[in-house]
Amino acid sequence: MVGSLKFLLKNLLTNQITEEWEKLSNAFALFFLCLFRSWSTTGGTSPGPMTRKDFCKFMHELERGNHENGPTTIDIARRRWIETTA
């Protein structure tokens, strides 16, 4: 996983988004969204697509929160777990 992360970061920093980069970034997003995004309690289905863009949106939601008072304790913990694991 570390080698893949280095590859993703190197290509992101040099603005070289290739087909391989897109494939690895979507796999990265799928992994973390499966682990940390809430699933439906009825049927256990995913709440939406699991692509890199959806992962970025999810991380933004965790950072700012979906509530008037900002992120919840669970939002903060999830974001920190993802950042630590990545």
PDB file of N, CA and C in Angstrom:
ATOM      1  N   MET A   1       0.831  -1.196   0.000  1.00  0.00           N
ATOM      2  CA  MET A   1       0.000   0.000   0.000  1.00  0.00           C
ATOM      3  C   MET A   1       0.874   1.258   0.000  1.00  0.00           C
ATOM      4  N   VAL A   2       1.999   1.218   0.685  1.00  0.00           N
ATOM      5  CA  VAL A   2       2.854   2.397   0.763  1.00  0.00           C
ATOM      6  C   VAL A   2       3.407   2.754  -0.607  1.00  0.00           C
ATOM      7  N   GLY A   3       3.829   1.737  -1.382  1.00  0.00           N
ATOM      8  CA  GLY A   3       4.330   1.998  -2.732  1.00  0.00           C
ATOM      9  C   GLY A   3       3.280   2.633  -3.608  1.00  0.00           C
ATOM     10  N   SER A   4       2.044   2.166  -3.495  1.00  0.00           N
ATOM     11  CA  SER A   4       0.954   2.736  -4.279  1.00  0.00           C
ATOM     12  C   SER A   4       0.690   4.177  -3.877  1.00  0.00           C
ATOM     13  N   LEU A   5       0.758   4.452  -2.572  1.00  0.00           N
ATOM     14  CA  LEU A   5       0.529   5.814  -2.099  1.00  0.00           C
ATOM     15  C   LEU A   5       1.616   6.747  -2.622  1.00  0.00           C
ATOM     16  N   LYS A   6       2.870   6.292  -2.623  1.00  0.00           N
ATOM     17  CA  LYS A   6       3.962   7.119  -3.157  1.00  0.00           C
ATOM     18  C   LYS A   6       3.744   7.400  -4.636  1.00  0.00           C
ATOM     19  N   PHE A   7       3.298   6.381  -5.389  1.00  0.00           N
ATOM     20  CA  PHE A   7       3.020   6.555  -6.814  1.00  0.00           C
ATOM     21  C   PHE A   7       1.922   7.581  -7.027  1.00  0.00           C
ATOM     22  N   LEU A   8       0.852   7.482  -6.224  1.00  0.00           N
ATOM     23  CA  LEU A   8      -0.269   8.421  -6.357  1.00  0.00           C
ATOM     24  C   LEU A   8       0.179   9.846  -6.069  1.00  0.00           C
ATOM     25  N   LEU A   9       0.925  10.034  -4.991  1.00  0.00           N
ATOM     26  CA  LEU A   9       1.356  11.376  -4.618  1.00  0.00           C
ATOM     27  C   LEU A   9       2.324  11.967  -5.648  1.00  0.00           C
ATOM     28  N   LYS A  10       3.272  11.151  -6.126  1.00  0.00           N
ATOM     29  CA  LYS A  10       4.239  11.637  -7.117  1.00  0.00           C
ATOM     30  C   LYS A  10       3.527  12.127  -8.373  1.00  0.00           C
ATOM     31  N   ASN A  11       2.573  11.354  -8.855  1.00  0.00           N
ATOM     32  CA  ASN A  11       1.864  11.741 -10.072  1.00  0.00           C
ATOM     33  C   ASN A  11       0.916  12.905  -9.835  1.00  0.00           C
ATOM     34  N   LEU A  12       0.357  12.998  -8.652  1.00  0.00           N
ATOM     35  CA  LEU A  12      -0.520  14.118  -8.335  1.00  0.00           C
ATOM     36  C   LEU A  12       0.280  15.420  -8.289  1.00  0.00           C
ATOM     37  N   LEU A  13       1.451  15.367  -7.665  1.00  0.00           N
ATOM     38  CA  LEU A  13       2.268  16.567  -7.539  1.00  0.00           C
ATOM     39  C   LEU A  13       2.832  17.031  -8.882  1.00  0.00           C
ATOM     40  N   THR A  14       3.028  16.109  -9.813  1.00  0.00           N
ATOM     41  CA  THR A  14       3.565  16.484 -11.122  1.00  0.00           C
ATOM     42  C   THR A  14       2.462  16.659 -12.165  1.00  0.00           C
ATOM     43  N   ASN A  15       1.215  16.607 -11.731  1.00  0.00           N
ATOM     44  CA  ASN A  15       0.048  16.772 -12.609  1.00  0.00           C
ATOM     45  C   ASN A  15       0.008  15.751 -13.738  1.00  0.00           C
ATOM     46  N   GLN A  16       0.451  14.549 -13.468  1.00  0.00           N
ATOM     47  CA  GLN A  16       0.416  13.480 -14.462  1.00  0.00           C
ATOM     48  C   GLN A  16      -0.635  12.451 -14.060  1.00  0.00           C
ATOM     49  N   ILE A  17      -1.870  12.735 -14.342  1.00  0.00           N
ATOM     50  CA  ILE A  17      -2.938  11.803 -14.016  1.00  0.00           C
ATOM     51  C   ILE A  17      -3.101  10.856 -15.196  1.00  0.00           C
ATOM     52  N   THR A  18      -2.576   9.663 -15.017  1.00  0.00           N
ATOM     53  CA  THR A  18      -2.627   8.647 -16.056  1.00  0.00           C
ATOM     54  C   THR A  18      -3.763   7.669 -15.767  1.00  0.00           C
ATOM     55  N   GLU A  19      -3.983   6.759 -16.686  1.00  0.00           N
ATOM     56  CA  GLU A  19      -5.012   5.739 -16.496  1.00  0.00           C
ATOM     57  C   GLU A  19      -4.666   4.866 -15.289  1.00  0.00           C
ATOM     58  N   GLU A  20      -3.378   4.543 -15.133  1.00  0.00           N
ATOM     59  CA  GLU A  20      -2.951   3.735 -13.988  1.00  0.00           C
ATOM     60  C   GLU A  20      -3.162   4.497 -12.680  1.00  0.00           C
ATOM     61  N   TRP A  21      -2.856   5.788 -12.676  1.00  0.00           N
ATOM     62  CA  TRP A  21      -3.059   6.617 -11.484  1.00  0.00           C
ATOM     63  C   TRP A  21      -4.535   6.645 -11.117  1.00  0.00           C
ATOM     64  N   GLU A  22      -5.392   6.821 -12.107  1.00  0.00           N
ATOM     65  CA  GLU A  22      -6.836   6.864 -11.865  1.00  0.00           C
ATOM     66  C   GLU A  22      -7.319   5.536 -11.276  1.00  0.00           C
ATOM     67  N   LYS A  23      -6.812   4.438 -11.793  1.00  0.00           N
ATOM     68  CA  LYS A  23      -7.194   3.115 -11.306  1.00  0.00           C
ATOM     69  C   LYS A  23      -6.770   2.935  -9.847  1.00  0.00           C
ATOM     70  N   LEU A  24      -5.524   3.293  -9.532  1.00  0.00           N
ATOM     71  CA  LEU A  24      -5.036   3.155  -8.153  1.00  0.00           C
ATOM     72  C   LEU A  24      -5.748   4.104  -7.193  1.00  0.00           C
ATOM     73  N   SER A  25      -6.041   5.313  -7.637  1.00  0.00           N
ATOM     74  CA  SER A  25      -6.716   6.263  -6.747  1.00  0.00           C
ATOM     75  C   SER A  25      -8.147   5.821  -6.461  1.00  0.00           C
ATOM     76  N   ASN A  26      -8.808   5.218  -7.433  1.00  0.00           N
ATOM     77  CA  ASN A  26     -10.161   4.705  -7.195  1.00  0.00           C
ATOM     78  C   ASN A  26     -10.136   3.492  -6.271  1.00  0.00           C
ATOM     79  N   ALA A  27      -9.094   2.654  -6.380  1.00  0.00           N
ATOM     80  CA  ALA A  27      -8.956   1.510  -5.471  1.00  0.00           C
ATOM     81  C   ALA A  27      -8.704   1.997  -4.049  1.00  0.00           C
ATOM     82  N   PHE A  28      -7.873   3.025  -3.906  1.00  0.00           N
ATOM     83  CA  PHE A  28      -7.602   3.641  -2.607  1.00  0.00           C
ATOM     84  C   PHE A  28      -8.897   4.167  -1.998  1.00  0.00           C
ATOM     85  N   ALA A  29      -9.673   4.873  -2.803  1.00  0.00           N
ATOM     86  CA  ALA A  29     -10.947   5.437  -2.339  1.00  0.00           C
ATOM     87  C   ALA A  29     -11.925   4.340  -1.951  1.00  0.00           C
ATOM     88  N   LEU A  30     -12.019   3.304  -2.759  1.00  0.00           N
ATOM     89  CA  LEU A  30     -12.926   2.190  -2.475  1.00  0.00           C
ATOM     90  C   LEU A  30     -12.599   1.561  -1.132  1.00  0.00           C
ATOM     91  N   PHE A  31     -11.322   1.325  -0.878  1.00  0.00           N
ATOM     92  CA  PHE A  31     -10.880   0.723   0.379  1.00  0.00           C
ATOM     93  C   PHE A  31     -11.337   1.553   1.579  1.00  0.00           C
ATOM     94  N   PHE A  32     -11.046   2.847   1.561  1.00  0.00           N
ATOM     95  CA  PHE A  32     -11.365   3.686   2.712  1.00  0.00           C
ATOM     96  C   PHE A  32     -12.856   3.977   2.841  1.00  0.00           C
ATOM     97  N   LEU A  33     -13.553   4.111   1.734  1.00  0.00           N
ATOM     98  CA  LEU A  33     -14.998   4.336   1.821  1.00  0.00           C
ATOM     99  C   LEU A  33     -15.709   3.096   2.350  1.00  0.00           C
ATOM    100  N   CYS A  34     -15.241   1.908   1.971  1.00  0.00           N
ATOM    101  CA  CYS A  34     -15.836   0.673   2.506  1.00  0.00           C
ATOM    102  C   CYS A  34     -15.651   0.583   4.014  1.00  0.00           C
ATOM    103  N   LEU A  35     -14.499   1.021   4.494  1.00  0.00           N
ATOM    104  CA  LEU A  35     -14.217   0.930   5.927  1.00  0.00           C
ATOM    105  C   LEU A  35     -14.898   2.002   6.764  1.00  0.00           C
ATOM    106  N   PHE A  36     -14.957   3.224   6.257  1.00  0.00           N
ATOM    107  CA  PHE A  36     -15.322   4.349   7.124  1.00  0.00           C
ATOM    108  C   PHE A  36     -16.642   5.043   6.823  1.00  0.00           C
ATOM    109  N   ARG A  37     -17.194   4.893   5.644  1.00  0.00           N
ATOM    110  CA  ARG A  37     -18.457   5.573   5.357  1.00  0.00           C
ATOM    111  C   ARG A  37     -19.612   4.722   5.865  1.00  0.00           C
ATOM    112  N   SER A  38     -20.608   5.348   6.430  1.00  0.00           N
ATOM    113  CA  SER A  38     -21.769   4.630   6.976  1.00  0.00           C
ATOM    114  C   SER A  38     -22.531   3.925   5.874  1.00  0.00           C
ATOM    115  N   TRP A  39     -22.934   2.699   6.149  1.00  0.00           N
ATOM    116  CA  TRP A  39     -23.699   1.902   5.204  1.00  0.00           C
ATOM    117  C   TRP A  39     -25.158   1.894   5.620  1.00  0.00           C
ATOM    118  N   SER A  40     -26.024   1.569   4.712  1.00  0.00           N
ATOM    119  CA  SER A  40     -27.453   1.493   4.979  1.00  0.00           C
ATOM    120  C   SER A  40     -27.736   0.382   5.987  1.00  0.00           C
ATOM    121  N   THR A  41     -28.602   0.659   6.932  1.00  0.00           N
ATOM    122  CA  THR A  41     -28.971  -0.364   7.912  1.00  0.00           C
ATOM    123  C   THR A  41     -29.998  -1.335   7.345  1.00  0.00           C
ATOM    124  N   THR A  42     -30.651  -0.951   6.272  1.00  0.00           N
ATOM    125  CA  THR A  42     -31.615  -1.850   5.636  1.00  0.00           C
ATOM    126  C   THR A  42     -30.990  -2.414   4.366  1.00  0.00           C
ATOM    127  N   GLY A  43     -30.502  -3.616   4.449  1.00  0.00           N
ATOM    128  CA  GLY A  43     -29.917  -4.262   3.285  1.00  0.00           C
ATOM    129  C   GLY A  43     -28.408  -4.145   3.206  1.00  0.00           C
ATOM    130  N   GLY A  44     -27.799  -3.325   4.030  1.00  0.00           N
ATOM    131  CA  GLY A  44     -26.348  -3.192   4.055  1.00  0.00           C
ATOM    132  C   GLY A  44     -25.733  -2.734   2.747  1.00  0.00           C
ATOM    133  N   THR A  45     -26.342  -1.736   2.121  1.00  0.00           N
ATOM    134  CA  THR A  45     -25.826  -1.260   0.841  1.00  0.00           C
ATOM    135  C   THR A  45     -25.035   0.025   1.022  1.00  0.00           C
ATOM    136  N   SER A  46     -24.188   0.290   0.055  1.00  0.00           N
ATOM    137  CA  SER A  46     -23.381   1.494   0.061  1.00  0.00           C
ATOM    138  C   SER A  46     -24.268   2.710  -0.202  1.00  0.00           C
ATOM    139  N   PRO A  47     -23.964   3.847   0.435  1.00  0.00           N
ATOM    140  CA  PRO A  47     -24.778   5.056   0.238  1.00  0.00           C
ATOM    141  C   PRO A  47     -24.483   5.799  -1.052  1.00  0.00           C
ATOM    142  N   GLY A  48     -23.716   5.224  -1.935  1.00  0.00           N
ATOM    143  CA  GLY A  48     -23.428   5.904  -3.195  1.00  0.00           C
ATOM    144  C   GLY A  48     -22.188   5.347  -3.850  1.00  0.00           C
ATOM    145  N   PRO A  49     -21.746   5.993  -4.942  1.00  0.00           N
ATOM    146  CA  PRO A  49     -20.566   5.521  -5.647  1.00  0.00           C
ATOM    147  C   PRO A  49     -19.305   5.628  -4.785  1.00  0.00           C
ATOM    148  N   MET A  50     -18.293   4.884  -5.148  1.00  0.00           N
ATOM    149  CA  MET A  50     -17.058   4.857  -4.356  1.00  0.00           C
ATOM    150  C   MET A  50     -15.861   5.156  -5.246  1.00  0.00           C
ATOM    151  N   THR A  51     -15.782   6.384  -5.705  1.00  0.00           N
ATOM    152  CA  THR A  51     -14.677   6.806  -6.559  1.00  0.00           C
ATOM    153  C   THR A  51     -13.798   7.806  -5.812  1.00  0.00           C
ATOM    154  N   ARG A  52     -12.721   8.187  -6.441  1.00  0.00           N
ATOM    155  CA  ARG A  52     -11.805   9.170  -5.852  1.00  0.00           C
ATOM    156  C   ARG A  52     -12.526  10.476  -5.529  1.00  0.00           C
ATOM    157  N   LYS A  53     -13.369  10.927  -6.442  1.00  0.00           N
ATOM    158  CA  LYS A  53     -14.090  12.183  -6.213  1.00  0.00           C
ATOM    159  C   LYS A  53     -15.053  12.065  -5.031  1.00  0.00           C
ATOM    160  N   ASP A  54     -15.695  10.908  -4.892  1.00  0.00           N
ATOM    161  CA  ASP A  54     -16.590  10.692  -3.753  1.00  0.00           C
ATOM    162  C   ASP A  54     -15.810  10.629  -2.442  1.00  0.00           C
ATOM    163  N   PHE A  55     -14.612  10.061  -2.489  1.00  0.00           N
ATOM    164  CA  PHE A  55     -13.760  10.017  -1.305  1.00  0.00           C
ATOM    165  C   PHE A  55     -13.355  11.428  -0.886  1.00  0.00           C
ATOM    166  N   CYS A  56     -12.984  12.254  -1.852  1.00  0.00           N
ATOM    167  CA  CYS A  56     -12.620  13.650  -1.544  1.00  0.00           C
ATOM    168  C   CYS A  56     -13.802  14.389  -0.929  1.00  0.00           C
ATOM    169  N   LYS A  57     -14.983  14.172  -1.481  1.00  0.00           N
ATOM    170  CA  LYS A  57     -16.193  14.799  -0.943  1.00  0.00           C
ATOM    171  C   LYS A  57     -16.458  14.313   0.483  1.00  0.00           C
ATOM    172  N   PHE A  58     -16.294  13.009   0.721  1.00  0.00           N
ATOM    173  CA  PHE A  58     -16.491  12.436   2.047  1.00  0.00           C
ATOM    174  C   PHE A  58     -15.515  13.042   3.053  1.00  0.00           C
ATOM    175  N   MET A  59     -14.245  13.172   2.671  1.00  0.00           N
ATOM    176  CA  MET A  59     -13.253  13.758   3.570  1.00  0.00           C
ATOM    177  C   MET A  59     -13.593  15.221   3.885  1.00  0.00           C
ATOM    178  N   HIS A  60     -14.084  15.943   2.885  1.00  0.00           N
ATOM    179  CA  HIS A  60     -14.485  17.333   3.105  1.00  0.00           C
ATOM    180  C   HIS A  60     -15.657  17.396   4.076  1.00  0.00           C
ATOM    181  N   GLU A  61     -16.616  16.489   3.920  1.00  0.00           N
ATOM    182  CA  GLU A  61     -17.763  16.444   4.840  1.00  0.00           C
ATOM    183  C   GLU A  61     -17.317  16.124   6.260  1.00  0.00           C
ATOM    184  N   LEU A  62     -16.339  15.227   6.402  1.00  0.00           N
ATOM    185  CA  LEU A  62     -15.834  14.906   7.738  1.00  0.00           C
ATOM    186  C   LEU A  62     -15.140  16.109   8.362  1.00  0.00           C
ATOM    187  N   GLU A  63     -14.461  16.884   7.543  1.00  0.00           N
ATOM    188  CA  GLU A  63     -13.724  18.042   8.053  1.00  0.00           C
ATOM    189  C   GLU A  63     -14.644  19.173   8.492  1.00  0.00           C
ATOM    190  N   ARG A  64     -15.663  19.452   7.689  1.00  0.00           N
ATOM    191  CA  ARG A  64     -16.536  20.591   8.017  1.00  0.00           C
ATOM    192  C   ARG A  64     -17.799  20.172   8.745  1.00  0.00           C
ATOM    193  N   GLY A  65     -18.183  18.900   8.623  1.00  0.00           N
ATOM    194  CA  GLY A  65     -19.384  18.398   9.288  1.00  0.00           C
ATOM    195  C   GLY A  65     -20.639  18.731   8.506  1.00  0.00           C
ATOM    196  N   ASN A  66     -21.677  17.985   8.753  1.00  0.00           N
ATOM    197  CA  ASN A  66     -22.976  18.214   8.117  1.00  0.00           C
ATOM    198  C   ASN A  66     -23.948  18.887   9.073  1.00  0.00           C
ATOM    199  N   HIS A  67     -23.437  19.468  10.102  1.00  0.00           N
ATOM    200  CA  HIS A  67     -24.273  20.052  11.144  1.00  0.00           C
ATOM    201  C   HIS A  67     -23.921  21.527  11.314  1.00  0.00           C
ATOM    202  N   GLU A  68     -24.816  22.273  11.912  1.00  0.00           N
ATOM    203  CA  GLU A  68     -24.564  23.698  12.128  1.00  0.00           C
ATOM    204  C   GLU A  68     -23.378  23.932  13.055  1.00  0.00           C
ATOM    205  N   ASN A  69     -23.149  22.999  13.966  1.00  0.00           N
ATOM    206  CA  ASN A  69     -22.090  23.164  14.959  1.00  0.00           C
ATOM    207  C   ASN A  69     -20.750  22.602  14.518  1.00  0.00           C
ATOM    208  N   GLY A  70     -20.617  22.212  13.258  1.00  0.00           N
ATOM    209  CA  GLY A  70     -19.356  21.660  12.765  1.00  0.00           C
ATOM    210  C   GLY A  70     -19.342  20.147  12.856  1.00  0.00           C
ATOM    211  N   PRO A  71     -18.160  19.561  12.720  1.00  0.00           N
ATOM    212  CA  PRO A  71     -18.055  18.106  12.716  1.00  0.00           C
ATOM    213  C   PRO A  71     -18.344  17.509  14.089  1.00  0.00           C
ATOM    214  N   THR A  72     -18.908  16.321  14.067  1.00  0.00           N
ATOM    215  CA  THR A  72     -19.176  15.610  15.317  1.00  0.00           C
ATOM    216  C   THR A  72     -17.899  14.916  15.781  1.00  0.00           C
ATOM    217  N   THR A  73     -17.922  14.381  16.973  1.00  0.00           N
ATOM    218  CA  THR A  73     -16.780  13.636  17.492  1.00  0.00           C
ATOM    219  C   THR A  73     -16.485  12.431  16.606  1.00  0.00           C
ATOM    220  N   ILE A  74     -17.528  11.773  16.130  1.00  0.00           N
ATOM    221  CA  ILE A  74     -17.353  10.624  15.236  1.00  0.00           C
ATOM    222  C   ILE A  74     -16.711  11.071  13.913  1.00  0.00           C
ATOM    223  N   ASP A  75     -17.135  12.217  13.371  1.00  0.00           N
ATOM    224  CA  ASP A  75     -16.537  12.739  12.131  1.00  0.00           C
ATOM    225  C   ASP A  75     -15.038  12.979  12.317  1.00  0.00           C
ATOM    226  N   ILE A  76     -14.674  13.583  13.427  1.00  0.00           N
ATOM    227  CA  ILE A  76     -13.271  13.886  13.709  1.00  0.00           C
ATOM    228  C   ILE A  76     -12.466  12.598  13.855  1.00  0.00           C
ATOM    229  N   ALA A  77     -13.028  11.618  14.568  1.00  0.00           N
ATOM    230  CA  ALA A  77     -12.336  10.335  14.762  1.00  0.00           C
ATOM    231  C   ALA A  77     -12.157   9.614  13.433  1.00  0.00           C
ATOM    232  N   ARG A  78     -13.192   9.572  12.616  1.00  0.00           N
ATOM    233  CA  ARG A  78     -13.076   8.910  11.306  1.00  0.00           C
ATOM    234  C   ARG A  78     -11.999   9.564  10.449  1.00  0.00           C
ATOM    235  N   ARG A  79     -12.007  10.886  10.405  1.00  0.00           N
ATOM    236  CA  ARG A  79     -11.012  11.593   9.593  1.00  0.00           C
ATOM    237  C   ARG A  79      -9.598  11.290  10.083  1.00  0.00           C
ATOM    238  N   ARG A  80      -9.407  11.290  11.393  1.00  0.00           N
ATOM    239  CA  ARG A  80      -8.069  11.006  11.942  1.00  0.00           C
ATOM    240  C   ARG A  80      -7.654   9.562  11.687  1.00  0.00           C
ATOM    241  N   TRP A  81      -8.581   8.617  11.778  1.00  0.00           N
ATOM    242  CA  TRP A  81      -8.260   7.216  11.473  1.00  0.00           C
ATOM    243  C   TRP A  81      -7.828   7.068  10.021  1.00  0.00           C
ATOM    244  N   ILE A  82      -8.548   7.737   9.133  1.00  0.00           N
ATOM    245  CA  ILE A  82      -8.199   7.665   7.704  1.00  0.00           C
ATOM    246  C   ILE A  82      -6.833   8.284   7.467  1.00  0.00           C
ATOM    247  N   GLU A  83      -6.585   9.446   8.034  1.00  0.00           N
ATOM    248  CA  GLU A  83      -5.311  10.128   7.836  1.00  0.00           C
ATOM    249  C   GLU A  83      -4.157   9.312   8.418  1.00  0.00           C
ATOM    250  N   THR A  84      -4.374   8.676   9.556  1.00  0.00           N
ATOM    251  CA  THR A  84      -3.338   7.862  10.176  1.00  0.00           C
ATOM    252  C   THR A  84      -3.059   6.612   9.354  1.00  0.00           C
ATOM    253  N   THR A  85      -4.110   5.985   8.861  1.00  0.00           N
ATOM    254  CA  THR A  85      -3.973   4.755   8.092  1.00  0.00           C
ATOM    255  C   THR A  85      -3.363   5.008   6.727  1.00  0.00           C
ATOM    256  N   ALA A  86      -3.736   6.109   6.100  1.00  0.00           N
ATOM    257  CA  ALA A  86      -3.237   6.403   4.756  1.00  0.00           C
ATOM    258  C   ALA A  86      -1.763   6.715   4.828  1.00  0.00           C
TER     259      ALA A  86
END
